[in-house]
Amino acid sequence: MEPKKEATDVIDFYAEHKMLVWIAAISLSIAGCLLYYMTFGPHTVSGKGIGPGTLVRRFGIREWISHWLMLLGFLTLAATGFMQVVPGTALSHLGPFHGWLGFIFFLIALITLLGWVPDALFKRYDWPWLLKMGGYFSHDPKPLAAGRFNAGQKIYYWSILLVLIGLLVSAVVMEHGSHSLAGRKGLFWCVHGLLGCLATIMVIGHGFLSIFVNPDSARVLRDGRVSKAYTDKHHSLWKAP
């Protein structure tokens, strides 16, 4: 089957089964996370004795604030986007709110992500990390070389940036249907929905790894700090400020 035909089939299927796609994607993502946790459990390194002297700053104040804004913004966008695919609901009033919030969210995310470009560039030491899958399928105490962001976080960074750009482009086409792409407005509605679904899956995985698999990193949401034991284990080449 030709790639173009396969893409068309996927879009056609989504157009007819939006609700099913969203429920299946979210359910399978959560099920996969639960299966992993039951099999491998958490990768805790800090222990219980965490005090001021054992903490390092992972994110600056601006990064910490933007992280929270992106989290809250994404949850709202995902909820309002999902509600619009529920059949039999009259929620057209959510469209403008979803659109304006999405544009503001994109600006905040873009400013934040651009600030992380130097840390998101791949280095030679990232390849061993990828070959061993970051140690997520073992409990080897030996740290893998990684900078401020490890190879997995870098892949997530570039992937989410591309998805956000795709969401913005598809949203602009949807809003300006009077142009040459007017006849394909329905197509871009489906593309936008599929990208939103993909972004939701990615954020579920990111949140699961950050909160449950690496509970030491979850503390960063409190004040931008994590334990030094965590950075020594997972970001051994990064010099914390």
C-alpha atoms as a PDB file:
ATOM      1  CA  MET A   1       0.000   0.000   0.000  1.00  0.00           C
ATOM      2  CA  GLU A   2       1.332   3.441  -0.925  1.00  0.00           C
ATOM      3  CA  PRO A   3       2.262   5.802   1.975  1.00  0.00           C
ATOM      4  CA  LYS A   4      -0.133   8.453   0.637  1.00  0.00           C
ATOM      5  CA  LYS A   5      -2.990   5.943   0.580  1.00  0.00           C
ATOM      6  CA  GLU A   6      -2.129   4.771   4.105  1.00  0.00           C
ATOM      7  CA  ALA A   7      -2.191   8.352   5.400  1.00  0.00           C
ATOM      8  CA  THR A   8      -5.546   8.934   3.722  1.00  0.00           C
ATOM      9  CA  ASP A   9      -6.962   5.764   5.286  1.00  0.00           C
ATOM     10  CA  VAL A  10      -5.820   6.880   8.750  1.00  0.00           C
ATOM     11  CA  ILE A  11      -7.437  10.291   8.317  1.00  0.00           C
ATOM     12  CA  ASP A  12     -10.648   8.746   6.976  1.00  0.00           C
ATOM     13  CA  PHE A  13     -10.784   6.355   9.918  1.00  0.00           C
ATOM     14  CA  TYR A  14     -10.275   9.223  12.387  1.00  0.00           C
ATOM     15  CA  ALA A  15     -12.973  11.297  10.682  1.00  0.00           C
ATOM     16  CA  GLU A  16     -15.486   8.496  11.241  1.00  0.00           C
ATOM     17  CA  HIS A  17     -14.339   7.335  14.685  1.00  0.00           C
ATOM     18  CA  LYS A  18     -12.950  10.389  16.509  1.00  0.00           C
ATOM     19  CA  MET A  19     -14.310   9.419  19.913  1.00  0.00           C
ATOM     20  CA  LEU A  20     -13.072   5.841  19.587  1.00  0.00           C
ATOM     21  CA  VAL A  21      -9.573   6.964  18.590  1.00  0.00           C
ATOM     22  CA  TRP A  22      -9.249   9.317  21.567  1.00  0.00           C
ATOM     23  CA  ILE A  23     -10.560   6.818  24.115  1.00  0.00           C
ATOM     24  CA  ALA A  24      -8.410   3.995  22.719  1.00  0.00           C
ATOM     25  CA  ALA A  25      -5.271   6.151  22.592  1.00  0.00           C
ATOM     26  CA  ILE A  26      -5.635   7.402  26.170  1.00  0.00           C
ATOM     27  CA  SER A  27      -6.675   4.005  27.536  1.00  0.00           C
ATOM     28  CA  LEU A  28      -3.814   2.139  25.847  1.00  0.00           C
ATOM     29  CA  SER A  29      -1.320   4.765  27.005  1.00  0.00           C
ATOM     30  CA  ILE A  30      -2.435   4.444  30.620  1.00  0.00           C
ATOM     31  CA  ALA A  31      -2.481   0.636  30.356  1.00  0.00           C
ATOM     32  CA  GLY A  32       1.054   0.646  28.973  1.00  0.00           C
ATOM     33  CA  CYS A  33       2.223   2.859  31.822  1.00  0.00           C
ATOM     34  CA  LEU A  34       0.632   0.571  34.411  1.00  0.00           C
ATOM     35  CA  LEU A  35       2.177  -2.513  32.803  1.00  0.00           C
ATOM     36  CA  TYR A  36       5.611  -0.918  32.858  1.00  0.00           C
ATOM     37  CA  TYR A  37       5.257   0.147  36.489  1.00  0.00           C
ATOM     38  CA  MET A  38       4.136  -3.297  37.608  1.00  0.00           C
ATOM     39  CA  THR A  39       7.071  -4.866  35.729  1.00  0.00           C
ATOM     40  CA  PHE A  40       9.963  -2.507  36.525  1.00  0.00           C
ATOM     41  CA  GLY A  41       8.706  -0.206  39.279  1.00  0.00           C
ATOM     42  CA  PRO A  42      10.162   3.207  40.150  1.00  0.00           C
ATOM     43  CA  HIS A  43      13.808   4.255  39.797  1.00  0.00           C
ATOM     44  CA  THR A  44      14.245   6.115  43.076  1.00  0.00           C
ATOM     45  CA  VAL A  45      17.742   7.320  43.957  1.00  0.00           C
ATOM     46  CA  SER A  46      17.387  10.082  46.556  1.00  0.00           C
ATOM     47  CA  GLY A  47      16.301   8.193  49.629  1.00  0.00           C
ATOM     48  CA  LYS A  48      14.407   9.938  52.391  1.00  0.00           C
ATOM     49  CA  GLY A  49      16.987  12.375  53.725  1.00  0.00           C
ATOM     50  CA  ILE A  50      16.380  15.305  51.365  1.00  0.00           C
ATOM     51  CA  GLY A  51      17.268  18.686  52.816  1.00  0.00           C
ATOM     52  CA  PRO A  52      18.332  22.132  51.553  1.00  0.00           C
ATOM     53  CA  GLY A  53      21.944  21.017  51.238  1.00  0.00           C
ATOM     54  CA  THR A  54      21.076  18.061  49.013  1.00  0.00           C
ATOM     55  CA  LEU A  55      19.082  20.030  46.419  1.00  0.00           C
ATOM     56  CA  VAL A  56      20.184  21.684  43.176  1.00  0.00           C
ATOM     57  CA  ARG A  57      18.237  24.046  40.933  1.00  0.00           C
ATOM     58  CA  ARG A  58      16.953  22.214  37.873  1.00  0.00           C
ATOM     59  CA  PHE A  59      14.823  25.045  36.454  1.00  0.00           C
ATOM     60  CA  GLY A  60      15.077  28.787  36.935  1.00  0.00           C
ATOM     61  CA  ILE A  61      12.066  30.805  38.099  1.00  0.00           C
ATOM     62  CA  ARG A  62      11.047  31.693  34.526  1.00  0.00           C
ATOM     63  CA  GLU A  63      11.356  28.064  33.420  1.00  0.00           C
ATOM     64  CA  TRP A  64       9.432  26.870  36.479  1.00  0.00           C
ATOM     65  CA  ILE A  65       6.578  29.317  35.845  1.00  0.00           C
ATOM     66  CA  SER A  66       6.395  28.502  32.132  1.00  0.00           C
ATOM     67  CA  HIS A  67       6.419  24.778  32.947  1.00  0.00           C
ATOM     68  CA  TRP A  68       3.329  25.215  35.103  1.00  0.00           C
ATOM     69  CA  LEU A  69       1.659  27.439  32.502  1.00  0.00           C
ATOM     70  CA  MET A  70       2.276  24.830  29.802  1.00  0.00           C
ATOM     71  CA  LEU A  71       0.974  22.048  32.024  1.00  0.00           C
ATOM     72  CA  LEU A  72      -2.240  23.856  32.949  1.00  0.00           C
ATOM     73  CA  GLY A  73      -2.692  25.161  29.410  1.00  0.00           C
ATOM     74  CA  PHE A  74      -2.244  21.738  27.881  1.00  0.00           C
ATOM     75  CA  LEU A  75      -4.700  20.092  30.269  1.00  0.00           C
ATOM     76  CA  THR A  76      -7.300  22.724  29.402  1.00  0.00           C
ATOM     77  CA  LEU A  77      -6.668  22.404  25.665  1.00  0.00           C
ATOM     78  CA  ALA A  78      -6.822  18.614  25.796  1.00  0.00           C
ATOM     79  CA  ALA A  79     -10.100  18.727  27.755  1.00  0.00           C
ATOM     80  CA  THR A  80     -11.777  21.290  25.489  1.00  0.00           C
ATOM     81  CA  GLY A  81     -10.483  19.515  22.377  1.00  0.00           C
ATOM     82  CA  PHE A  82     -11.757  16.138  23.569  1.00  0.00           C
ATOM     83  CA  MET A  83     -15.171  17.554  24.449  1.00  0.00           C
ATOM     84  CA  GLN A  84     -15.572  18.733  20.868  1.00  0.00           C
ATOM     85  CA  VAL A  85     -15.272  15.179  19.502  1.00  0.00           C
ATOM     86  CA  VAL A  86     -17.962  13.826  21.824  1.00  0.00           C
ATOM     87  CA  PRO A  87     -20.929  12.992  19.569  1.00  0.00           C
ATOM     88  CA  GLY A  88     -24.257  14.646  20.211  1.00  0.00           C
ATOM     89  CA  THR A  89     -22.867  17.587  22.203  1.00  0.00           C
ATOM     90  CA  ALA A  90     -23.474  21.260  21.432  1.00  0.00           C
ATOM     91  CA  LEU A  91     -20.125  22.734  22.425  1.00  0.00           C
ATOM     92  CA  SER A  92     -19.429  25.026  19.496  1.00  0.00           C
ATOM     93  CA  HIS A  93     -18.817  27.879  21.943  1.00  0.00           C
ATOM     94  CA  LEU A  94     -15.621  26.119  23.029  1.00  0.00           C
ATOM     95  CA  GLY A  95     -14.077  26.555  19.592  1.00  0.00           C
ATOM     96  CA  PRO A  96     -13.008  30.228  19.910  1.00  0.00           C
ATOM     97  CA  PHE A  97     -11.814  29.690  23.500  1.00  0.00           C
ATOM     98  CA  HIS A  98      -9.845  26.616  22.448  1.00  0.00           C
ATOM     99  CA  GLY A  99      -8.339  28.512  19.514  1.00  0.00           C
ATOM    100  CA  TRP A 100      -7.220  31.591  21.455  1.00  0.00           C
ATOM    101  CA  LEU A 101      -5.892  29.524  24.343  1.00  0.00           C
ATOM    102  CA  GLY A 102      -4.036  27.342  21.858  1.00  0.00           C
ATOM    103  CA  PHE A 103      -2.355  30.375  20.305  1.00  0.00           C
ATOM    104  CA  ILE A 104      -1.290  31.728  23.721  1.00  0.00           C
ATOM    105  CA  PHE A 105      -0.107  28.262  24.734  1.00  0.00           C
ATOM    106  CA  PHE A 106       1.966  27.988  21.549  1.00  0.00           C
ATOM    107  CA  LEU A 107       3.699  31.314  22.225  1.00  0.00           C
ATOM    108  CA  ILE A 108       4.566  30.335  25.812  1.00  0.00           C
ATOM    109  CA  ALA A 109       5.748  26.891  24.721  1.00  0.00           C
ATOM    110  CA  LEU A 110       7.799  28.277  21.832  1.00  0.00           C
ATOM    111  CA  ILE A 111       9.573  30.834  24.035  1.00  0.00           C
ATOM    112  CA  THR A 112      10.302  28.142  26.614  1.00  0.00           C
ATOM    113  CA  LEU A 113      11.440  25.525  24.106  1.00  0.00           C
ATOM    114  CA  LEU A 114      13.684  27.930  22.200  1.00  0.00           C
ATOM    115  CA  GLY A 115      15.485  28.664  25.460  1.00  0.00           C
ATOM    116  CA  TRP A 116      16.315  24.962  25.734  1.00  0.00           C
ATOM    117  CA  VAL A 117      17.742  24.498  22.220  1.00  0.00           C
ATOM    118  CA  PRO A 118      21.402  24.399  23.371  1.00  0.00           C
ATOM    119  CA  ASP A 119      20.564  21.694  25.922  1.00  0.00           C
ATOM    120  CA  ALA A 120      18.475  19.729  23.395  1.00  0.00           C
ATOM    121  CA  LEU A 121      21.196  19.269  20.753  1.00  0.00           C
ATOM    122  CA  PHE A 122      22.368  15.685  20.436  1.00  0.00           C
ATOM    123  CA  LYS A 123      25.905  14.803  21.534  1.00  0.00           C
ATOM    124  CA  ARG A 124      28.054  11.752  20.971  1.00  0.00           C
ATOM    125  CA  TYR A 125      27.439  10.520  24.514  1.00  0.00           C
ATOM    126  CA  ASP A 126      23.694  10.312  23.821  1.00  0.00           C
ATOM    127  CA  TRP A 127      24.067   7.182  21.673  1.00  0.00           C
ATOM    128  CA  PRO A 128      25.081   4.816  24.494  1.00  0.00           C
ATOM    129  CA  TRP A 129      22.095   6.147  26.464  1.00  0.00           C
ATOM    130  CA  LEU A 130      19.793   5.265  23.568  1.00  0.00           C
ATOM    131  CA  LEU A 131      21.353   1.824  23.072  1.00  0.00           C
ATOM    132  CA  LYS A 132      20.616   1.014  26.714  1.00  0.00           C
ATOM    133  CA  MET A 133      17.215   2.756  26.605  1.00  0.00           C
ATOM    134  CA  GLY A 134      18.297   4.984  29.445  1.00  0.00           C
ATOM    135  CA  GLY A 135      18.421   2.033  31.820  1.00  0.00           C
ATOM    136  CA  TYR A 136      14.625   2.056  32.057  1.00  0.00           C
ATOM    137  CA  PHE A 137      14.480  -1.694  31.493  1.00  0.00           C
ATOM    138  CA  SER A 138      16.962  -2.510  34.241  1.00  0.00           C
ATOM    139  CA  HIS A 139      18.007  -1.254  37.657  1.00  0.00           C
ATOM    140  CA  ASP A 140      21.709  -0.912  36.905  1.00  0.00           C
ATOM    141  CA  PRO A 141      23.108   1.557  39.498  1.00  0.00           C
ATOM    142  CA  LYS A 142      25.811   2.726  37.098  1.00  0.00           C
ATOM    143  CA  PRO A 143      24.839   6.163  35.712  1.00  0.00           C
ATOM    144  CA  LEU A 144      24.612   6.717  31.964  1.00  0.00           C
ATOM    145  CA  ALA A 145      26.294   9.814  30.581  1.00  0.00           C
ATOM    146  CA  ALA A 146      23.811  12.641  29.978  1.00  0.00           C
ATOM    147  CA  GLY A 147      23.804  16.416  29.979  1.00  0.00           C
ATOM    148  CA  ARG A 148      21.060  18.650  31.301  1.00  0.00           C
ATOM    149  CA  PHE A 149      18.638  16.676  29.137  1.00  0.00           C
ATOM    150  CA  ASN A 150      19.205  13.010  28.431  1.00  0.00           C
ATOM    151  CA  ALA A 151      18.704  11.514  24.962  1.00  0.00           C
ATOM    152  CA  GLY A 152      15.113  10.496  25.696  1.00  0.00           C
ATOM    153  CA  GLN A 153      14.215  14.008  26.812  1.00  0.00           C
ATOM    154  CA  LYS A 154      15.852  15.408  23.686  1.00  0.00           C
ATOM    155  CA  ILE A 155      13.744  13.144  21.473  1.00  0.00           C
ATOM    156  CA  TYR A 156      10.652  14.249  23.392  1.00  0.00           C
ATOM    157  CA  TYR A 157      11.715  17.897  23.038  1.00  0.00           C
ATOM    158  CA  TRP A 158      12.063  17.841  19.240  1.00  0.00           C
ATOM    159  CA  SER A 159       8.997  15.643  18.791  1.00  0.00           C
ATOM    160  CA  ILE A 160       6.717  17.870  20.846  1.00  0.00           C
ATOM    161  CA  LEU A 161       8.089  20.963  19.059  1.00  0.00           C
ATOM    162  CA  LEU A 162       7.191  19.467  15.665  1.00  0.00           C
ATOM    163  CA  VAL A 163       3.747  18.433  16.904  1.00  0.00           C
ATOM    164  CA  LEU A 164       3.080  21.932  18.255  1.00  0.00           C
ATOM    165  CA  ILE A 165       4.066  23.475  14.926  1.00  0.00           C
ATOM    166  CA  GLY A 166       1.760  21.017  13.167  1.00  0.00           C
ATOM    167  CA  LEU A 167      -1.088  21.923  15.515  1.00  0.00           C
ATOM    168  CA  LEU A 168      -0.561  25.632  14.857  1.00  0.00           C
ATOM    169  CA  VAL A 169      -0.391  25.237  11.066  1.00  0.00           C
ATOM    170  CA  SER A 170      -3.492  23.025  10.933  1.00  0.00           C
ATOM    171  CA  ALA A 171      -5.368  25.445  13.212  1.00  0.00           C
ATOM    172  CA  VAL A 172      -4.486  28.422  10.989  1.00  0.00           C
ATOM    173  CA  VAL A 173      -5.703  26.564   7.886  1.00  0.00           C
ATOM    174  CA  MET A 174      -8.923  25.635   9.688  1.00  0.00           C
ATOM    175  CA  GLU A 175      -9.560  29.259  10.667  1.00  0.00           C
ATOM    176  CA  HIS A 176      -8.830  30.657   7.189  1.00  0.00           C
ATOM    177  CA  GLY A 177     -10.852  28.292   5.047  1.00  0.00           C
ATOM    178  CA  SER A 178     -11.491  30.996   2.410  1.00  0.00           C
ATOM    179  CA  HIS A 179      -7.998  30.511   1.006  1.00  0.00           C
ATOM    180  CA  SER A 180      -6.806  27.937  -1.517  1.00  0.00           C
ATOM    181  CA  LEU A 181      -6.954  25.136   1.008  1.00  0.00           C
ATOM    182  CA  ALA A 182     -10.662  25.745   1.696  1.00  0.00           C
ATOM    183  CA  GLY A 183     -11.695  22.501   0.059  1.00  0.00           C
ATOM    184  CA  ARG A 184      -9.443  20.586   2.428  1.00  0.00           C
ATOM    185  CA  LYS A 185     -10.741  22.185   5.622  1.00  0.00           C
ATOM    186  CA  GLY A 186     -12.180  18.862   6.806  1.00  0.00           C
ATOM    187  CA  LEU A 187      -8.809  17.221   6.190  1.00  0.00           C
ATOM    188  CA  PHE A 188      -7.036  19.684   8.447  1.00  0.00           C
ATOM    189  CA  TRP A 189      -9.662  19.253  11.150  1.00  0.00           C
ATOM    190  CA  CYS A 190      -8.697  15.573  11.207  1.00  0.00           C
ATOM    191  CA  VAL A 191      -4.960  16.319  11.080  1.00  0.00           C
ATOM    192  CA  HIS A 192      -5.367  18.736  13.981  1.00  0.00           C
ATOM    193  CA  GLY A 193      -7.314  16.163  15.967  1.00  0.00           C
ATOM    194  CA  LEU A 194      -4.785  13.399  15.311  1.00  0.00           C
ATOM    195  CA  LEU A 195      -1.892  15.663  16.316  1.00  0.00           C
ATOM    196  CA  GLY A 196      -3.768  16.660  19.468  1.00  0.00           C
ATOM    197  CA  CYS A 197      -4.296  12.992  20.264  1.00  0.00           C
ATOM    198  CA  LEU A 198      -0.596  12.284  19.663  1.00  0.00           C
ATOM    199  CA  ALA A 199       0.403  15.201  21.912  1.00  0.00           C
ATOM    200  CA  THR A 200      -1.866  13.843  24.655  1.00  0.00           C
ATOM    201  CA  ILE A 201      -0.196  10.424  24.459  1.00  0.00           C
ATOM    202  CA  MET A 202       3.244  12.037  24.626  1.00  0.00           C
ATOM    203  CA  VAL A 203       2.353  14.147  27.654  1.00  0.00           C
ATOM    204  CA  ILE A 204       0.875  11.124  29.444  1.00  0.00           C
ATOM    205  CA  GLY A 205       4.170   9.287  28.893  1.00  0.00           C
ATOM    206  CA  HIS A 206       6.211  12.300  29.962  1.00  0.00           C
ATOM    207  CA  GLY A 207       4.168  12.768  33.117  1.00  0.00           C
ATOM    208  CA  PHE A 208       4.315   9.069  33.954  1.00  0.00           C
ATOM    209  CA  LEU A 209       8.107   8.938  33.638  1.00  0.00           C
ATOM    210  CA  SER A 210       8.563  12.178  35.588  1.00  0.00           C
ATOM    211  CA  ILE A 211       6.183  11.446  38.466  1.00  0.00           C
ATOM    212  CA  PHE A 212       6.029   7.679  38.872  1.00  0.00           C
ATOM    213  CA  VAL A 213       9.116   6.142  37.270  1.00  0.00           C
ATOM    214  CA  ASN A 214      11.475   8.913  38.420  1.00  0.00           C
ATOM    215  CA  PRO A 215       9.688  10.302  41.498  1.00  0.00           C
ATOM    216  CA  ASP A 216      12.823  12.272  42.402  1.00  0.00           C
ATOM    217  CA  SER A 217      12.233  14.515  39.378  1.00  0.00           C
ATOM    218  CA  ALA A 218       8.612  15.249  40.354  1.00  0.00           C
ATOM    219  CA  ARG A 219       9.874  17.588  43.055  1.00  0.00           C
ATOM    220  CA  VAL A 220      10.890  20.073  40.350  1.00  0.00           C
ATOM    221  CA  LEU A 221       7.251  21.172  40.098  1.00  0.00           C
ATOM    222  CA  ARG A 222       7.394  22.436  43.683  1.00  0.00           C
ATOM    223  CA  ASP A 223      10.211  24.964  43.362  1.00  0.00           C
ATOM    224  CA  GLY A 224      12.351  24.040  40.374  1.00  0.00           C
ATOM    225  CA  ARG A 225      14.787  21.984  42.453  1.00  0.00           C
ATOM    226  CA  VAL A 226      15.708  18.300  42.503  1.00  0.00           C
ATOM    227  CA  SER A 227      18.061  16.222  44.618  1.00  0.00           C
ATOM    228  CA  LYS A 228      21.751  16.160  43.768  1.00  0.00           C
ATOM    229  CA  ALA A 229      21.555  12.362  43.922  1.00  0.00           C
ATOM    230  CA  TYR A 230      19.079  12.488  41.038  1.00  0.00           C
ATOM    231  CA  THR A 231      21.260  14.701  38.827  1.00  0.00           C
ATOM    232  CA  ASP A 232      24.354  12.615  39.627  1.00  0.00           C
ATOM    233  CA  LYS A 233      22.484   9.506  38.500  1.00  0.00           C
ATOM    234  CA  HIS A 234      20.580  10.775  35.463  1.00  0.00           C
ATOM    235  CA  HIS A 235      22.497  13.889  34.324  1.00  0.00           C
ATOM    236  CA  SER A 236      26.070  13.123  35.313  1.00  0.00           C
ATOM    237  CA  LEU A 237      27.680  15.502  32.761  1.00  0.00           C
ATOM    238  CA  TRP A 238      25.499  18.485  33.685  1.00  0.00           C
ATOM    239  CA  LYS A 239      26.958  21.120  35.979  1.00  0.00           C
ATOM    240  CA  ALA A 240      24.044  22.441  38.023  1.00  0.00           C
ATOM    241  CA  PRO A 241      24.102  26.229  38.586  1.00  0.00           C
END
